Each structure stands twice: as C-alpha cells, then as structure tokens.
C-alpha atoms as a PDB file:
ATOM      1  CA  MET A   1      -0.740  12.269 -24.494  1.00  0.00           C
ATOM      2  CA  ASP A   2       2.590  11.991 -22.708  1.00  0.00           C
ATOM      3  CA  ALA A   3       1.783   9.145 -20.290  1.00  0.00           C
ATOM      4  CA  LEU A   4      -0.868   6.824 -18.893  1.00  0.00           C
ATOM      5  CA  LEU A   5      -1.314   6.823 -15.127  1.00  0.00           C
ATOM      6  CA  PHE A   6      -3.065   3.801 -13.648  1.00  0.00           C
ATOM      7  CA  ASP A   7      -4.956   3.402 -10.412  1.00  0.00           C
ATOM      8  CA  LEU A   8      -4.218   0.116  -8.645  1.00  0.00           C
ATOM      9  CA  PHE A   9      -7.270  -1.365  -6.905  1.00  0.00           C
ATOM     10  CA  GLY A  10     -10.225  -1.836  -9.195  1.00  0.00           C
ATOM     11  CA  THR A  11      -8.125  -1.086 -12.285  1.00  0.00           C
ATOM     12  CA  LEU A  12      -4.938  -3.163 -12.491  1.00  0.00           C
ATOM     13  CA  VAL A  13      -6.020  -5.563  -9.756  1.00  0.00           C
ATOM     14  CA  PRO A  14      -9.517  -6.440  -8.491  1.00  0.00           C
ATOM     15  CA  VAL A  15     -10.971  -4.277  -5.776  1.00  0.00           C
ATOM     16  CA  ALA A  16      -9.530  -5.344  -2.442  1.00  0.00           C
ATOM     17  CA  PRO A  17     -10.073  -6.714   0.071  1.00  0.00           C
ATOM     18  CA  ALA A  18     -11.440 -10.205  -0.243  1.00  0.00           C
ATOM     19  CA  LEU A  19     -11.572 -10.410   3.546  1.00  0.00           C
ATOM     20  CA  SER A  20     -13.918  -8.339   5.668  1.00  0.00           C
ATOM     21  CA  TRP A  21     -12.412  -5.617   7.864  1.00  0.00           C
ATOM     22  CA  PRO A  22     -13.125  -7.577  11.085  1.00  0.00           C
ATOM     23  CA  GLU A  23     -11.427 -10.659   9.612  1.00  0.00           C
ATOM     24  CA  GLN A  24      -8.385  -8.619   8.549  1.00  0.00           C
ATOM     25  CA  MET A  25      -8.114  -7.136  12.031  1.00  0.00           C
ATOM     26  CA  ARG A  26      -8.501 -10.556  13.661  1.00  0.00           C
ATOM     27  CA  LEU A  27      -5.619 -11.938  11.580  1.00  0.00           C
ATOM     28  CA  LEU A  28      -3.390  -9.026  12.629  1.00  0.00           C
ATOM     29  CA  ALA A  29      -4.433  -8.920  16.298  1.00  0.00           C
ATOM     30  CA  GLU A  30      -4.266 -12.660  16.927  1.00  0.00           C
ATOM     31  CA  PRO A  31      -0.450 -13.047  16.957  1.00  0.00           C
ATOM     32  CA  LEU A  32      -0.230 -10.056  19.302  1.00  0.00           C
ATOM     33  CA  GLY A  33      -2.668 -11.489  21.824  1.00  0.00           C
ATOM     34  CA  MET A  34      -4.837  -8.366  21.530  1.00  0.00           C
ATOM     35  CA  PRO A  35      -8.608  -8.143  21.362  1.00  0.00           C
ATOM     36  CA  THR A  36      -9.609  -7.592  17.738  1.00  0.00           C
ATOM     37  CA  ASP A  37     -11.774  -4.531  18.480  1.00  0.00           C
ATOM     38  CA  GLU A  38      -9.003  -2.801  20.419  1.00  0.00           C
ATOM     39  CA  PHE A  39      -6.443  -3.513  17.702  1.00  0.00           C
ATOM     40  CA  ALA A  40      -8.857  -2.366  14.973  1.00  0.00           C
ATOM     41  CA  ALA A  41      -9.427   0.970  16.712  1.00  0.00           C
ATOM     42  CA  GLY A  42      -5.697   1.646  16.847  1.00  0.00           C
ATOM     43  CA  TYR A  43      -5.104   0.432  13.303  1.00  0.00           C
ATOM     44  CA  GLY A  44      -7.891   2.634  11.997  1.00  0.00           C
ATOM     45  CA  ALA A  45      -6.518   5.658  13.855  1.00  0.00           C
ATOM     46  CA  LEU A  46      -3.146   5.239  12.117  1.00  0.00           C
ATOM     47  CA  THR A  47      -4.543   4.737   8.608  1.00  0.00           C
ATOM     48  CA  ARG A  48      -3.515   8.180   7.356  1.00  0.00           C
ATOM     49  CA  ASP A  49       0.070   7.731   8.548  1.00  0.00           C
ATOM     50  CA  ARG A  50       0.308   4.312   6.875  1.00  0.00           C
ATOM     51  CA  MET A  51      -1.280   5.577   3.658  1.00  0.00           C
ATOM     52  CA  THR A  52       1.129   8.498   3.372  1.00  0.00           C
ATOM     53  CA  GLY A  53       4.189   6.457   4.289  1.00  0.00           C
ATOM     54  CA  ALA A  54       4.771   8.470   7.454  1.00  0.00           C
ATOM     55  CA  CYS A  55       4.465   5.287   9.505  1.00  0.00           C
ATOM     56  CA  THR A  56       5.212   1.738   8.397  1.00  0.00           C
ATOM     57  CA  VAL A  57       2.972  -1.192   9.232  1.00  0.00           C
ATOM     58  CA  THR A  58       5.588  -2.396  11.723  1.00  0.00           C
ATOM     59  CA  GLU A  59       5.763   1.013  13.402  1.00  0.00           C
ATOM     60  CA  SER A  60       1.993   1.329  13.549  1.00  0.00           C
ATOM     61  CA  ILE A  61       1.608  -2.120  15.124  1.00  0.00           C
ATOM     62  CA  ARG A  62       4.280  -1.262  17.706  1.00  0.00           C
ATOM     63  CA  GLN A  63       2.458   2.007  18.465  1.00  0.00           C
ATOM     64  CA  ILE A  64      -0.906   0.251  18.797  1.00  0.00           C
ATOM     65  CA  CYS A  65       0.568  -2.260  21.240  1.00  0.00           C
ATOM     66  CA  ALA A  66       2.349   0.448  23.236  1.00  0.00           C
ATOM     67  CA  SER A  67      -0.805   2.568  23.446  1.00  0.00           C
ATOM     68  CA  ALA A  68      -2.774  -0.453  24.673  1.00  0.00           C
ATOM     69  CA  CYS A  69       0.006  -1.380  27.139  1.00  0.00           C
ATOM     70  CA  VAL A  70       0.382  -4.749  25.422  1.00  0.00           C
ATOM     71  CA  ALA A  71       3.938  -6.070  25.528  1.00  0.00           C
ATOM     72  CA  VAL A  72       4.884  -7.956  22.370  1.00  0.00           C
ATOM     73  CA  ASP A  73       8.137  -9.577  21.383  1.00  0.00           C
ATOM     74  CA  GLU A  74       9.758  -9.465  17.949  1.00  0.00           C
ATOM     75  CA  THR A  75       8.318 -12.869  17.023  1.00  0.00           C
ATOM     76  CA  GLN A  76       4.754 -11.684  17.668  1.00  0.00           C
ATOM     77  CA  LEU A  77       5.401  -8.435  15.824  1.00  0.00           C
ATOM     78  CA  ALA A  78       6.897 -10.283  12.851  1.00  0.00           C
ATOM     79  CA  ALA A  79       3.887 -12.627  12.740  1.00  0.00           C
ATOM     80  CA  ALA A  80       1.436  -9.704  12.628  1.00  0.00           C
ATOM     81  CA  VAL A  81       3.455  -7.928   9.924  1.00  0.00           C
ATOM     82  CA  ALA A  82       3.681 -11.178   7.941  1.00  0.00           C
ATOM     83  CA  ALA A  83      -0.106 -11.578   8.174  1.00  0.00           C
ATOM     84  CA  ARG A  84      -0.589  -8.081   6.717  1.00  0.00           C
ATOM     85  CA  GLU A  85       1.959  -8.758   3.969  1.00  0.00           C
ATOM     86  CA  GLU A  86       0.281 -12.047   3.059  1.00  0.00           C
ATOM     87  CA  MET A  87      -3.105 -10.308   2.781  1.00  0.00           C
ATOM     88  CA  LEU A  88      -1.620  -7.610   0.574  1.00  0.00           C
ATOM     89  CA  ARG A  89       0.194 -10.091  -1.683  1.00  0.00           C
ATOM     90  CA  LYS A  90      -3.120 -11.862  -2.293  1.00  0.00           C
ATOM     91  CA  TRP A  91      -4.685  -8.531  -3.308  1.00  0.00           C
ATOM     92  CA  LEU A  92      -1.864  -7.562  -5.685  1.00  0.00           C
ATOM     93  CA  VAL A  93      -2.733 -10.193  -8.279  1.00  0.00           C
ATOM     94  CA  PRO A  94      -3.450  -8.549 -11.640  1.00  0.00           C
ATOM     95  CA  ARG A  95      -6.718  -8.891 -13.499  1.00  0.00           C
ATOM     96  CA  PRO A  96      -6.422 -11.326 -16.444  1.00  0.00           C
ATOM     97  CA  ALA A  97      -6.171  -8.552 -19.067  1.00  0.00           C
ATOM     98  CA  THR A  98      -3.765  -6.353 -17.096  1.00  0.00           C
ATOM     99  CA  LEU A  99      -0.383  -7.831 -18.043  1.00  0.00           C
ATOM    100  CA  PRO A 100      -1.088  -8.176 -21.784  1.00  0.00           C
ATOM    101  CA  ALA A 101      -2.447  -4.615 -21.896  1.00  0.00           C
ATOM    102  CA  LEU A 102       0.556  -3.179 -20.056  1.00  0.00           C
ATOM    103  CA  ASP A 103       2.924  -5.144 -22.294  1.00  0.00           C
ATOM    104  CA  ARG A 104       1.259  -3.744 -25.431  1.00  0.00           C
ATOM    105  CA  LEU A 105       1.358  -0.183 -24.116  1.00  0.00           C
ATOM    106  CA  ARG A 106       5.009  -0.532 -23.117  1.00  0.00           C
ATOM    107  CA  ALA A 107       5.895  -2.016 -26.521  1.00  0.00           C
ATOM    108  CA  ALA A 108       4.205   0.994 -28.142  1.00  0.00           C
ATOM    109  CA  GLY A 109       6.476   3.276 -26.114  1.00  0.00           C
ATOM    110  CA  VAL A 110       3.754   4.723 -23.891  1.00  0.00           C
ATOM    111  CA  PRO A 111       5.209   5.875 -20.540  1.00  0.00           C
ATOM    112  CA  LEU A 112       3.274   4.262 -17.700  1.00  0.00           C
ATOM    113  CA  ALA A 113       2.986   4.999 -13.996  1.00  0.00           C
ATOM    114  CA  LEU A 114       0.988   3.790 -11.034  1.00  0.00           C
ATOM    115  CA  VAL A 115      -0.792   6.423  -8.943  1.00  0.00           C
ATOM    116  CA  SER A 116      -2.944   5.133  -6.147  1.00  0.00           C
ATOM    117  CA  ASP A 117      -4.211   5.781  -2.676  1.00  0.00           C
ATOM    118  CA  ALA A 118      -2.974   2.313  -1.726  1.00  0.00           C
ATOM    119  CA  SER A 119      -0.913   2.149   1.448  1.00  0.00           C
ATOM    120  CA  SER A 120       2.839   2.597   1.430  1.00  0.00           C
ATOM    121  CA  ASP A 121       3.340  -1.115   2.120  1.00  0.00           C
ATOM    122  CA  ALA A 122       1.683  -1.834  -1.240  1.00  0.00           C
ATOM    123  CA  ALA A 123       4.363   0.319  -2.890  1.00  0.00           C
ATOM    124  CA  GLN A 124       7.042  -1.616  -1.013  1.00  0.00           C
ATOM    125  CA  LEU A 125       5.666  -4.926  -2.327  1.00  0.00           C
ATOM    126  CA  TRP A 126       5.269  -3.607  -5.886  1.00  0.00           C
ATOM    127  CA  PRO A 127       8.670  -4.918  -7.127  1.00  0.00           C
ATOM    128  CA  ASP A 128       7.575  -8.449  -6.161  1.00  0.00           C
ATOM    129  CA  THR A 129       4.352  -8.328  -8.191  1.00  0.00           C
ATOM    130  CA  PRO A 130       3.901  -9.723 -11.703  1.00  0.00           C
ATOM    131  CA  MET A 131       3.210  -6.150 -12.848  1.00  0.00           C
ATOM    132  CA  ALA A 132       6.647  -4.805 -11.902  1.00  0.00           C
ATOM    133  CA  PRO A 133       8.407  -6.103 -15.060  1.00  0.00           C
ATOM    134  CA  THR A 134       6.012  -4.000 -17.136  1.00  0.00           C
ATOM    135  CA  SER A 135       7.871  -0.964 -15.803  1.00  0.00           C
ATOM    136  CA  VAL A 136       4.859   0.644 -14.196  1.00  0.00           C
ATOM    137  CA  PRO A 137       6.666   2.276 -11.277  1.00  0.00           C
ATOM    138  CA  PRO A 138       4.628   3.441  -8.310  1.00  0.00           C
ATOM    139  CA  CYS A 139       4.470   7.216  -7.974  1.00  0.00           C
ATOM    140  CA  CYS A 140       4.996   8.597  -4.505  1.00  0.00           C
ATOM    141  CA  PRO A 141       3.031  11.849  -4.291  1.00  0.00           C
ATOM    142  CA  ARG A 142       2.679  13.681  -1.006  1.00  0.00           C
ATOM    143  CA  ARG A 143       3.791  10.814   1.157  1.00  0.00           C
ATOM    144  CA  TRP A 144       7.478  11.639   1.071  1.00  0.00           C
ATOM    145  CA  ALA A 145       6.852  15.244   2.025  1.00  0.00           C
ATOM    146  CA  ARG A 146       4.763  14.472   5.097  1.00  0.00           C
ATOM    147  CA  ARG A 147       6.015  13.999   8.603  1.00  0.00           C
ATOM    148  CA  SER A 148       4.149  11.827  11.025  1.00  0.00           C
ATOM    149  CA  ARG A 149       2.479  13.378  14.026  1.00  0.00           C
ATOM    150  CA  THR A 150       2.141   9.939  15.582  1.00  0.00           C
ATOM    151  CA  PRO A 151       4.611   9.050  18.339  1.00  0.00           C
ATOM    152  CA  GLY A 152       6.662   6.011  17.388  1.00  0.00           C
ATOM    153  CA  CYS A 153       6.317   6.601  13.660  1.00  0.00           C
ATOM    154  CA  THR A 154       9.300   7.901  11.763  1.00  0.00           C
ATOM    155  CA  SER A 155       9.455  10.001   8.646  1.00  0.00           C
ATOM    156  CA  PRO A 156      10.210   8.480   5.249  1.00  0.00           C
ATOM    157  CA  PRO A 157      13.768   8.780   3.936  1.00  0.00           C
ATOM    158  CA  ALA A 158      14.738  12.302   2.971  1.00  0.00           C
ATOM    159  CA  THR A 159      16.315  11.008  -0.237  1.00  0.00           C
ATOM    160  CA  ALA A 160      13.049   9.689  -1.670  1.00  0.00           C
ATOM    161  CA  SER A 161      11.436  11.777  -4.356  1.00  0.00           C
ATOM    162  CA  ALA A 162       8.184  11.776  -6.232  1.00  0.00           C
ATOM    163  CA  SER A 163       7.844  10.697  -9.831  1.00  0.00           C
ATOM    164  CA  ARG A 164       6.217  13.600 -11.599  1.00  0.00           C
ATOM    165  CA  PRO A 165       5.251  13.155 -15.206  1.00  0.00           C
ATOM    166  CA  SER A 166       5.288  16.328 -17.255  1.00  0.00           C
ATOM    167  CA  GLY A 167       2.843  17.320 -19.930  1.00  0.00           C
ATOM    168  CA  ALA A 168      -0.533  15.768 -20.618  1.00  0.00           C
ATOM    169  CA  CYS A 169      -1.202  12.538 -18.776  1.00  0.00           C
ATOM    170  CA  THR A 170      -4.270  10.333 -18.755  1.00  0.00           C
ATOM    171  CA  LEU A 171      -5.420   8.726 -15.521  1.00  0.00           C
ATOM    172  CA  VAL A 172      -6.988   5.290 -15.984  1.00  0.00           C
ATOM    173  CA  THR A 173      -9.265   4.133 -13.162  1.00  0.00           C
ATOM    174  CA  ALA A 174     -12.019   1.552 -12.868  1.00  0.00           C
ATOM    175  CA  THR A 175     -14.721   4.210 -12.960  1.00  0.00           C
ATOM    176  CA  ALA A 176     -13.382   6.981 -15.160  1.00  0.00           C
ATOM    177  CA  THR A 177     -10.678   8.188 -17.473  1.00  0.00           C
ATOM    178  CA  SER A 178      -9.591  11.792 -17.097  1.00  0.00           C
END
C-alpha cells in the first residue's frame, strides 16, 4: 500500500449536519432578508457548482440574491457567509479517535490524503481544523478542471492542481474500505 485516502464526513468527523436543512437555510437566508424557501431553492440549484469549486459560497449567495431581485449590501452578504462558515466549522470537529490514529499513521510514515465530496469551502477551512497538522491534505479532484455554467460564478484559479497519489492506495470511509 502506497497511501491511505480518507473520506471526511462519517469517517474523520461525524456525519454532518447537526442542523436540519430548513434550519441551515434559515440561518443563511435571515441576514439577507430573503424567505427561507426561496433562498433554499437557489442554494440547492447551485450545489454542484459549490461542490466542485466552480462557485464559492459568496458567489452563490450573490447569484441567488440577484436571481431573486433581492438587493443585499456587503454587510448582509458577509453575515450570510459567516453563518455558513460557522456551521461548517462546527461540523469539522474530529471524532475522538481521529487525531491519535492519524498521528500514529503519520509517525509510521504512511502517506495520507483526504478525498471527499465535501464542498470546496470545507477544503478552504481545512488548514484551520485540528486535523491539518496531521498533514492530511485535501485532494482536489475534478473541481479545478471544471468551469461554472452559472452566471456570476467564476472558475477556480488556473494554477491549482490536483493531488494524485500513485500506486496502490486504500480509501477509508465510514462504510467500506476499498
């Protein structure tokens, strides 16, 4: 085995989210003065772009507001983005056994990587998590190669590249090892 690849939610951290979808959407829509249902529809429609990194959370919220003809100022936008970031930070708390296990694997010289379908904003917050010092860098498959088809969403930086382990790797998830 050349490396261990870990899934994030349900493996390194508990399955997210602790809040229901309607509650998450309410917390994001509230600072914008938007009805929760209307915001949720727009947020759901942009999920793929956020997941692939083709559109940031900030860009998607701007697009949702523009599509709904809701004028928001930078303070409102920042409050909605901060609400999303706060939710995500609460979800990125490792399971009790995660850090000791990663430390032991790292000490044994096992190359580690994070591969997940978590959104691109989770990857952006990764360096601030307690797991970052274990040197489990997030891999960035597909998302850097995609271009958004959503107006108002920009493409990721052209200089970003994917981490691609070579050889035999083992994927560790909450449900299976392959």
